[in-house]
Amino acid sequence: METDFPEIEERFAADAWREPVYVEHRITHEDLQAATEAWLAAGGCITQVEAGVQNAVSSSFNDRIVSTSVAGLKAAEQQQAANQAKLLKRAARDAELISKLQALLPGKPSRADICADLAFSDKVLQRLLSMYFMRDRSVDYLRIKCRDDGAKKVTPIRDDEWKLAHGRIVKIDDVPHKRCPSCKEDKPTSQFYECSSHASGIKTYCKACEKALGAIRWGKGGSNEQPSAA
């Protein structure tokens, strides 16, 4: 890559680290002293902090004071006061919502109706129910039911007609039957050719339809059309 910067080449001896290196500073101590005097003359204030003591503004973590300086203790008090005011405001709002909710409960409203009437989300409703109606069984129908992962899943009951329509094998008079999708007839599995690649172990079409299909494919010009359902 070509640039228009001038090339800088600096070479150091292999033992250059043994010799002290002096770097020229652009700001001297006199400049810092002059800037400090100008800041104080303009009305500025410099806070001196002892070594090992912090004066961070955010001095509280998880309601625990993490600073022992004057500024840190003051900031912690302000944070605790703000959190307390927030909790009081939320409690007042909850008391208002609970009074309105109790007035609606005798009518057995649904969750959607309560959220629409009181203008809040279902998440707020679940929070109110868990905090203030913990042991009230009359509002259990409003709670969100959590499915137990260990519970057995419900298996839908399928009748024989559904199983035959979906290519399943069904016992009719203790004889396994299967419906051929071509002729639409329920035939014993003995009338189907065996096929190890299918899960059922037999062909999809019955023997008669397989022969008709073979005749169409090979005996009449090699067409790949399946036999009609008629």
C-alpha atoms as a PDB file:
ATOM      1  CA  MET A   1       0.000   0.000   0.000  1.00  0.00           C
ATOM      2  CA  GLU A   2       1.397   3.397  -0.995  1.00  0.00           C
ATOM      3  CA  THR A   3       0.899   6.460   1.236  1.00  0.00           C
ATOM      4  CA  ASP A   4       2.158  10.008   1.256  1.00  0.00           C
ATOM      5  CA  PHE A   5       3.495   9.765   4.829  1.00  0.00           C
ATOM      6  CA  PRO A   6       7.216  10.250   5.177  1.00  0.00           C
ATOM      7  CA  GLU A   7       9.168   7.167   6.056  1.00  0.00           C
ATOM      8  CA  ILE A   8      10.517   7.077   9.619  1.00  0.00           C
ATOM      9  CA  GLU A   9      13.324   4.747  10.406  1.00  0.00           C
ATOM     10  CA  GLU A  10      14.589   4.331  13.945  1.00  0.00           C
ATOM     11  CA  ARG A  11      17.215   1.829  14.920  1.00  0.00           C
ATOM     12  CA  PHE A  12      17.986   0.732  18.453  1.00  0.00           C
ATOM     13  CA  ALA A  13      20.830  -1.315  19.721  1.00  0.00           C
ATOM     14  CA  ALA A  14      20.081  -4.761  21.083  1.00  0.00           C
ATOM     15  CA  ASP A  15      20.902  -3.628  24.638  1.00  0.00           C
ATOM     16  CA  ALA A  16      19.120  -0.266  24.407  1.00  0.00           C
ATOM     17  CA  TRP A  17      16.775  -1.314  27.233  1.00  0.00           C
ATOM     18  CA  ARG A  18      19.732  -1.122  29.617  1.00  0.00           C
ATOM     19  CA  GLU A  19      20.101   2.650  29.130  1.00  0.00           C
ATOM     20  CA  PRO A  20      17.566   5.125  30.608  1.00  0.00           C
ATOM     21  CA  VAL A  21      15.336   6.862  28.045  1.00  0.00           C
ATOM     22  CA  TYR A  22      14.256  10.461  28.546  1.00  0.00           C
ATOM     23  CA  VAL A  23      11.066  11.591  26.796  1.00  0.00           C
ATOM     24  CA  GLU A  24      10.320  15.272  26.341  1.00  0.00           C
ATOM     25  CA  HIS A  25       6.920  16.292  27.746  1.00  0.00           C
ATOM     26  CA  ARG A  26       4.812  18.986  26.148  1.00  0.00           C
ATOM     27  CA  ILE A  27       3.254  20.008  29.504  1.00  0.00           C
ATOM     28  CA  THR A  28       5.610  20.763  32.344  1.00  0.00           C
ATOM     29  CA  HIS A  29       4.900  20.990  36.069  1.00  0.00           C
ATOM     30  CA  GLU A  30       4.953  24.765  35.774  1.00  0.00           C
ATOM     31  CA  ASP A  31       2.192  24.577  33.177  1.00  0.00           C
ATOM     32  CA  LEU A  32       0.101  22.360  35.459  1.00  0.00           C
ATOM     33  CA  GLN A  33       0.630  24.718  38.369  1.00  0.00           C
ATOM     34  CA  ALA A  34      -0.412  27.708  36.256  1.00  0.00           C
ATOM     35  CA  ALA A  35      -3.546  25.884  35.051  1.00  0.00           C
ATOM     36  CA  THR A  36      -4.464  24.971  38.645  1.00  0.00           C
ATOM     37  CA  GLU A  37      -4.086  28.572  39.828  1.00  0.00           C
ATOM     38  CA  ALA A  38      -6.206  29.801  36.927  1.00  0.00           C
ATOM     39  CA  TRP A  39      -8.925  27.226  37.788  1.00  0.00           C
ATOM     40  CA  LEU A  40      -9.027  28.275  41.425  1.00  0.00           C
ATOM     41  CA  ALA A  41      -9.026  31.981  40.495  1.00  0.00           C
ATOM     42  CA  ALA A  42     -12.065  31.383  38.253  1.00  0.00           C
ATOM     43  CA  GLY A  43     -14.004  29.964  41.212  1.00  0.00           C
ATOM     44  CA  GLY A  44     -13.310  26.296  40.660  1.00  0.00           C
ATOM     45  CA  CYS A  45     -13.007  23.801  43.503  1.00  0.00           C
ATOM     46  CA  ILE A  46     -10.662  20.832  43.749  1.00  0.00           C
ATOM     47  CA  THR A  47     -11.691  17.925  45.994  1.00  0.00           C
ATOM     48  CA  GLN A  48      -8.820  16.070  47.549  1.00  0.00           C
ATOM     49  CA  VAL A  49      -9.402  12.366  48.129  1.00  0.00           C
ATOM     50  CA  GLU A  50      -7.269  10.287  50.431  1.00  0.00           C
ATOM     51  CA  ALA A  51      -5.330   7.417  48.964  1.00  0.00           C
ATOM     52  CA  GLY A  52      -7.377   4.191  48.793  1.00  0.00           C
ATOM     53  CA  VAL A  53     -10.758   5.964  49.203  1.00  0.00           C
ATOM     54  CA  GLN A  54     -13.101   6.414  46.244  1.00  0.00           C
ATOM     55  CA  ASN A  55     -15.588   9.217  45.705  1.00  0.00           C
ATOM     56  CA  ALA A  56     -17.590   7.710  42.838  1.00  0.00           C
ATOM     57  CA  VAL A  57     -21.068   9.088  42.270  1.00  0.00           C
ATOM     58  CA  SER A  58     -22.616   5.609  42.047  1.00  0.00           C
ATOM     59  CA  SER A  59     -21.543   4.259  45.425  1.00  0.00           C
ATOM     60  CA  SER A  60     -24.278   1.732  46.097  1.00  0.00           C
ATOM     61  CA  PHE A  61     -24.457  -1.755  44.614  1.00  0.00           C
ATOM     62  CA  ASN A  62     -27.286  -4.195  45.461  1.00  0.00           C
ATOM     63  CA  ASP A  63     -28.363  -1.855  48.277  1.00  0.00           C
ATOM     64  CA  ARG A  64     -24.891  -2.114  49.793  1.00  0.00           C
ATOM     65  CA  ILE A  65     -22.634   0.893  50.322  1.00  0.00           C
ATOM     66  CA  VAL A  66     -19.355   0.470  48.485  1.00  0.00           C
ATOM     67  CA  SER A  67     -17.770   3.816  49.360  1.00  0.00           C
ATOM     68  CA  THR A  68     -16.848   5.427  52.686  1.00  0.00           C
ATOM     69  CA  SER A  69     -16.101   8.939  51.460  1.00  0.00           C
ATOM     70  CA  VAL A  70     -18.401  11.883  52.213  1.00  0.00           C
ATOM     71  CA  ALA A  71     -19.507  12.149  48.598  1.00  0.00           C
ATOM     72  CA  GLY A  72     -20.024   8.382  48.397  1.00  0.00           C
ATOM     73  CA  LEU A  73     -22.182   8.226  51.534  1.00  0.00           C
ATOM     74  CA  LYS A  74     -24.287  11.135  50.286  1.00  0.00           C
ATOM     75  CA  ALA A  75     -24.766   9.455  46.904  1.00  0.00           C
ATOM     76  CA  ALA A  76     -25.765   6.210  48.636  1.00  0.00           C
ATOM     77  CA  GLU A  77     -28.376   8.025  50.714  1.00  0.00           C
ATOM     78  CA  GLN A  78     -29.794   9.643  47.589  1.00  0.00           C
ATOM     79  CA  GLN A  79     -30.002   6.321  45.816  1.00  0.00           C
ATOM     80  CA  GLN A  80     -31.749   4.648  48.742  1.00  0.00           C
ATOM     81  CA  ALA A  81     -34.210   7.534  48.985  1.00  0.00           C
ATOM     82  CA  ALA A  82     -34.956   7.297  45.261  1.00  0.00           C
ATOM     83  CA  ASN A  83     -35.522   3.534  45.481  1.00  0.00           C
ATOM     84  CA  GLN A  84     -37.818   3.956  48.477  1.00  0.00           C
ATOM     85  CA  ALA A  85     -39.839   6.624  46.666  1.00  0.00           C
ATOM     86  CA  LYS A  86     -40.130   4.324  43.644  1.00  0.00           C
ATOM     87  CA  LEU A  87     -41.412   1.465  45.807  1.00  0.00           C
ATOM     88  CA  LEU A  88     -43.966   3.710  47.516  1.00  0.00           C
ATOM     89  CA  LYS A  89     -45.220   4.980  44.170  1.00  0.00           C
ATOM     90  CA  ARG A  90     -45.568   1.434  42.874  1.00  0.00           C
ATOM     91  CA  ALA A  91     -47.391   0.304  46.024  1.00  0.00           C
ATOM     92  CA  ALA A  92     -49.875   3.178  45.659  1.00  0.00           C
ATOM     93  CA  ARG A  93     -50.472   2.258  42.038  1.00  0.00           C
ATOM     94  CA  ASP A  94     -50.952  -1.412  42.954  1.00  0.00           C
ATOM     95  CA  ALA A  95     -53.464  -0.516  45.673  1.00  0.00           C
ATOM     96  CA  GLU A  96     -55.534   1.380  43.117  1.00  0.00           C
ATOM     97  CA  LEU A  97     -55.429  -1.499  40.641  1.00  0.00           C
ATOM     98  CA  ILE A  98     -56.295  -4.074  43.309  1.00  0.00           C
ATOM     99  CA  SER A  99     -59.400  -2.156  44.371  1.00  0.00           C
ATOM    100  CA  LYS A 100     -60.592  -2.029  40.753  1.00  0.00           C
ATOM    101  CA  LEU A 101     -59.739  -5.695  40.230  1.00  0.00           C
ATOM    102  CA  GLN A 102     -61.691  -6.774  43.294  1.00  0.00           C
ATOM    103  CA  ALA A 103     -64.717  -4.933  41.946  1.00  0.00           C
ATOM    104  CA  LEU A 104     -64.534  -6.919  38.683  1.00  0.00           C
ATOM    105  CA  LEU A 105     -63.851 -10.392  40.115  1.00  0.00           C
ATOM    106  CA  PRO A 106     -67.448 -11.238  41.211  1.00  0.00           C
ATOM    107  CA  GLY A 107     -68.498 -11.176  37.549  1.00  0.00           C
ATOM    108  CA  LYS A 108     -65.916 -13.870  36.617  1.00  0.00           C
ATOM    109  CA  PRO A 109     -64.362 -11.860  33.777  1.00  0.00           C
ATOM    110  CA  SER A 110     -61.705 -13.301  31.487  1.00  0.00           C
ATOM    111  CA  ARG A 111     -58.088 -12.190  31.427  1.00  0.00           C
ATOM    112  CA  ALA A 112     -58.643 -10.263  28.196  1.00  0.00           C
ATOM    113  CA  ASP A 113     -61.636  -8.406  29.655  1.00  0.00           C
ATOM    114  CA  ILE A 114     -59.729  -7.437  32.816  1.00  0.00           C
ATOM    115  CA  CYS A 115     -56.729  -6.169  30.850  1.00  0.00           C
ATOM    116  CA  ALA A 116     -59.012  -4.165  28.555  1.00  0.00           C
ATOM    117  CA  ASP A 117     -61.041  -2.631  31.421  1.00  0.00           C
ATOM    118  CA  LEU A 118     -58.048  -1.741  33.602  1.00  0.00           C
ATOM    119  CA  ALA A 119     -55.739  -0.789  30.690  1.00  0.00           C
ATOM    120  CA  PHE A 120     -52.731  -2.913  31.577  1.00  0.00           C
ATOM    121  CA  SER A 121     -51.007  -5.958  30.154  1.00  0.00           C
ATOM    122  CA  ASP A 122     -51.474  -9.593  31.120  1.00  0.00           C
ATOM    123  CA  LYS A 123     -47.972  -9.511  32.623  1.00  0.00           C
ATOM    124  CA  VAL A 124     -49.118  -6.893  35.162  1.00  0.00           C
ATOM    125  CA  LEU A 125     -52.201  -8.986  35.934  1.00  0.00           C
ATOM    126  CA  GLN A 126     -50.076 -12.076  36.634  1.00  0.00           C
ATOM    127  CA  ARG A 127     -47.804 -10.014  38.906  1.00  0.00           C
ATOM    128  CA  LEU A 128     -50.772  -8.727  40.918  1.00  0.00           C
ATOM    129  CA  LEU A 129     -52.217 -12.232  41.234  1.00  0.00           C
ATOM    130  CA  SER A 130     -48.917 -13.710  42.410  1.00  0.00           C
ATOM    131  CA  MET A 131     -48.216 -10.907  44.917  1.00  0.00           C
ATOM    132  CA  TYR A 132     -51.642 -10.069  46.376  1.00  0.00           C
ATOM    133  CA  PHE A 133     -53.847 -13.104  45.567  1.00  0.00           C
ATOM    134  CA  MET A 134     -51.400 -15.873  46.343  1.00  0.00           C
ATOM    135  CA  ARG A 135     -53.828 -18.072  48.353  1.00  0.00           C
ATOM    136  CA  ASP A 136     -57.060 -17.007  46.697  1.00  0.00           C
ATOM    137  CA  ARG A 137     -58.319 -20.079  44.825  1.00  0.00           C
ATOM    138  CA  SER A 138     -61.217 -18.183  43.271  1.00  0.00           C
ATOM    139  CA  VAL A 139     -58.857 -16.478  40.795  1.00  0.00           C
ATOM    140  CA  ASP A 140     -56.977 -19.609  39.753  1.00  0.00           C
ATOM    141  CA  TYR A 141     -58.743 -19.560  36.391  1.00  0.00           C
ATOM    142  CA  LEU A 142     -56.957 -16.266  35.636  1.00  0.00           C
ATOM    143  CA  ARG A 143     -53.471 -17.646  36.275  1.00  0.00           C
ATOM    144  CA  ILE A 144     -51.282 -18.896  33.442  1.00  0.00           C
ATOM    145  CA  LYS A 145     -50.917 -22.644  33.724  1.00  0.00           C
ATOM    146  CA  CYS A 146     -47.342 -23.883  33.370  1.00  0.00           C
ATOM    147  CA  ARG A 147     -47.072 -27.333  31.807  1.00  0.00           C
ATOM    148  CA  ASP A 148     -45.037 -29.757  33.826  1.00  0.00           C
ATOM    149  CA  ASP A 149     -42.145 -31.067  31.730  1.00  0.00           C
ATOM    150  CA  GLY A 150     -42.362 -34.401  33.514  1.00  0.00           C
ATOM    151  CA  ALA A 151     -46.052 -34.874  32.742  1.00  0.00           C
ATOM    152  CA  LYS A 152     -47.019 -37.309  30.033  1.00  0.00           C
ATOM    153  CA  LYS A 153     -48.088 -35.799  26.745  1.00  0.00           C
ATOM    154  CA  VAL A 154     -51.679 -36.422  25.692  1.00  0.00           C
ATOM    155  CA  THR A 155     -51.887 -38.771  22.714  1.00  0.00           C
ATOM    156  CA  PRO A 156     -54.884 -38.096  20.465  1.00  0.00           C
ATOM    157  CA  ILE A 157     -57.208 -41.035  19.920  1.00  0.00           C
ATOM    158  CA  ARG A 158     -57.291 -42.080  16.246  1.00  0.00           C
ATOM    159  CA  ASP A 159     -60.074 -44.322  14.989  1.00  0.00           C
ATOM    160  CA  ASP A 160     -59.596 -47.096  12.459  1.00  0.00           C
ATOM    161  CA  GLU A 161     -61.004 -45.023   9.610  1.00  0.00           C
ATOM    162  CA  TRP A 162     -58.430 -42.290  10.197  1.00  0.00           C
ATOM    163  CA  LYS A 163     -55.604 -44.834  10.365  1.00  0.00           C
ATOM    164  CA  LEU A 164     -56.676 -46.533   7.133  1.00  0.00           C
ATOM    165  CA  ALA A 165     -56.994 -43.172   5.351  1.00  0.00           C
ATOM    166  CA  HIS A 166     -53.425 -42.326   6.364  1.00  0.00           C
ATOM    167  CA  GLY A 167     -51.926 -45.596   5.204  1.00  0.00           C
ATOM    168  CA  ARG A 168     -51.779 -47.258   8.618  1.00  0.00           C
ATOM    169  CA  ILE A 169     -52.316 -50.973   9.222  1.00  0.00           C
ATOM    170  CA  VAL A 170     -55.488 -51.831  11.149  1.00  0.00           C
ATOM    171  CA  LYS A 171     -56.682 -55.208  12.393  1.00  0.00           C
ATOM    172  CA  ILE A 172     -60.121 -56.125  11.085  1.00  0.00           C
ATOM    173  CA  ASP A 173     -61.423 -59.395  12.578  1.00  0.00           C
ATOM    174  CA  ASP A 174     -57.903 -59.992  13.897  1.00  0.00           C
ATOM    175  CA  VAL A 175     -56.480 -59.776  10.338  1.00  0.00           C
ATOM    176  CA  PRO A 176     -54.120 -56.876   9.497  1.00  0.00           C
ATOM    177  CA  HIS A 177     -55.557 -54.708   6.728  1.00  0.00           C
ATOM    178  CA  LYS A 178     -54.241 -51.781   4.761  1.00  0.00           C
ATOM    179  CA  ARG A 179     -55.979 -49.409   2.351  1.00  0.00           C
ATOM    180  CA  CYS A 180     -54.549 -49.204  -1.142  1.00  0.00           C
ATOM    181  CA  PRO A 181     -54.401 -45.524  -2.245  1.00  0.00           C
ATOM    182  CA  SER A 182     -55.030 -46.542  -5.866  1.00  0.00           C
ATOM    183  CA  CYS A 183     -58.133 -48.745  -5.715  1.00  0.00           C
ATOM    184  CA  LYS A 184     -59.259 -47.331  -2.320  1.00  0.00           C
ATOM    185  CA  GLU A 185     -59.995 -50.830  -1.009  1.00  0.00           C
ATOM    186  CA  ASP A 186     -59.092 -52.182   2.425  1.00  0.00           C
ATOM    187  CA  LYS A 187     -57.190 -55.433   1.790  1.00  0.00           C
ATOM    188  CA  PRO A 188     -55.270 -57.845   4.004  1.00  0.00           C
ATOM    189  CA  THR A 189     -51.545 -57.190   4.167  1.00  0.00           C
ATOM    190  CA  SER A 190     -50.961 -60.544   2.455  1.00  0.00           C
ATOM    191  CA  GLN A 191     -52.218 -58.906  -0.768  1.00  0.00           C
ATOM    192  CA  PHE A 192     -49.321 -56.408  -0.683  1.00  0.00           C
ATOM    193  CA  TYR A 193     -45.763 -57.151  -1.772  1.00  0.00           C
ATOM    194  CA  GLU A 194     -43.133 -57.055   0.943  1.00  0.00           C
ATOM    195  CA  CYS A 195     -40.812 -54.016   0.997  1.00  0.00           C
ATOM    196  CA  SER A 196     -38.043 -53.634   3.575  1.00  0.00           C
ATOM    197  CA  SER A 197     -37.547 -49.931   2.791  1.00  0.00           C
ATOM    198  CA  HIS A 198     -41.044 -49.036   4.041  1.00  0.00           C
ATOM    199  CA  ALA A 199     -41.816 -48.682   7.743  1.00  0.00           C
ATOM    200  CA  SER A 200     -44.874 -50.912   7.369  1.00  0.00           C
ATOM    201  CA  GLY A 201     -42.809 -53.642   5.690  1.00  0.00           C
ATOM    202  CA  ILE A 202     -45.086 -53.798   2.625  1.00  0.00           C
ATOM    203  CA  LYS A 203     -45.593 -51.869  -0.598  1.00  0.00           C
ATOM    204  CA  THR A 204     -47.855 -48.852  -0.807  1.00  0.00           C
ATOM    205  CA  TYR A 205     -50.101 -50.312  -3.531  1.00  0.00           C
ATOM    206  CA  CYS A 206     -51.699 -53.732  -3.482  1.00  0.00           C
ATOM    207  CA  LYS A 207     -50.496 -56.528  -5.776  1.00  0.00           C
ATOM    208  CA  ALA A 208     -53.252 -55.979  -8.350  1.00  0.00           C
ATOM    209  CA  CYS A 209     -52.509 -52.268  -8.610  1.00  0.00           C
ATOM    210  CA  GLU A 210     -48.769 -52.916  -8.723  1.00  0.00           C
ATOM    211  CA  LYS A 211     -49.303 -55.262 -11.700  1.00  0.00           C
ATOM    212  CA  ALA A 212     -51.494 -52.681 -13.415  1.00  0.00           C
ATOM    213  CA  LEU A 213     -48.874 -50.041 -12.764  1.00  0.00           C
ATOM    214  CA  GLY A 214     -46.156 -52.256 -14.204  1.00  0.00           C
ATOM    215  CA  ALA A 215     -48.263 -52.870 -17.310  1.00  0.00           C
ATOM    216  CA  ILE A 216     -48.679 -49.133 -17.817  1.00  0.00           C
ATOM    217  CA  ARG A 217     -44.969 -48.462 -17.332  1.00  0.00           C
ATOM    218  CA  TRP A 218     -43.470 -51.294 -19.346  1.00  0.00           C
ATOM    219  CA  GLY A 219     -46.196 -52.783 -21.491  1.00  0.00           C
ATOM    220  CA  LYS A 220     -47.616 -49.566 -22.981  1.00  0.00           C
ATOM    221  CA  GLY A 221     -44.703 -47.338 -23.905  1.00  0.00           C
ATOM    222  CA  GLY A 222     -43.064 -46.879 -20.505  1.00  0.00           C
ATOM    223  CA  SER A 223     -45.391 -44.212 -19.139  1.00  0.00           C
ATOM    224  CA  ASN A 224     -44.870 -43.350 -15.433  1.00  0.00           C
ATOM    225  CA  GLU A 225     -48.543 -42.539 -14.785  1.00  0.00           C
ATOM    226  CA  GLN A 226     -50.095 -44.275 -11.790  1.00  0.00           C
ATOM    227  CA  PRO A 227     -53.312 -46.230 -12.176  1.00  0.00           C
ATOM    228  CA  SER A 228     -56.455 -44.199 -11.729  1.00  0.00           C
ATOM    229  CA  ALA A 229     -58.416 -44.288  -8.503  1.00  0.00           C
ATOM    230  CA  ALA A 230     -61.505 -45.466 -10.338  1.00  0.00           C
END
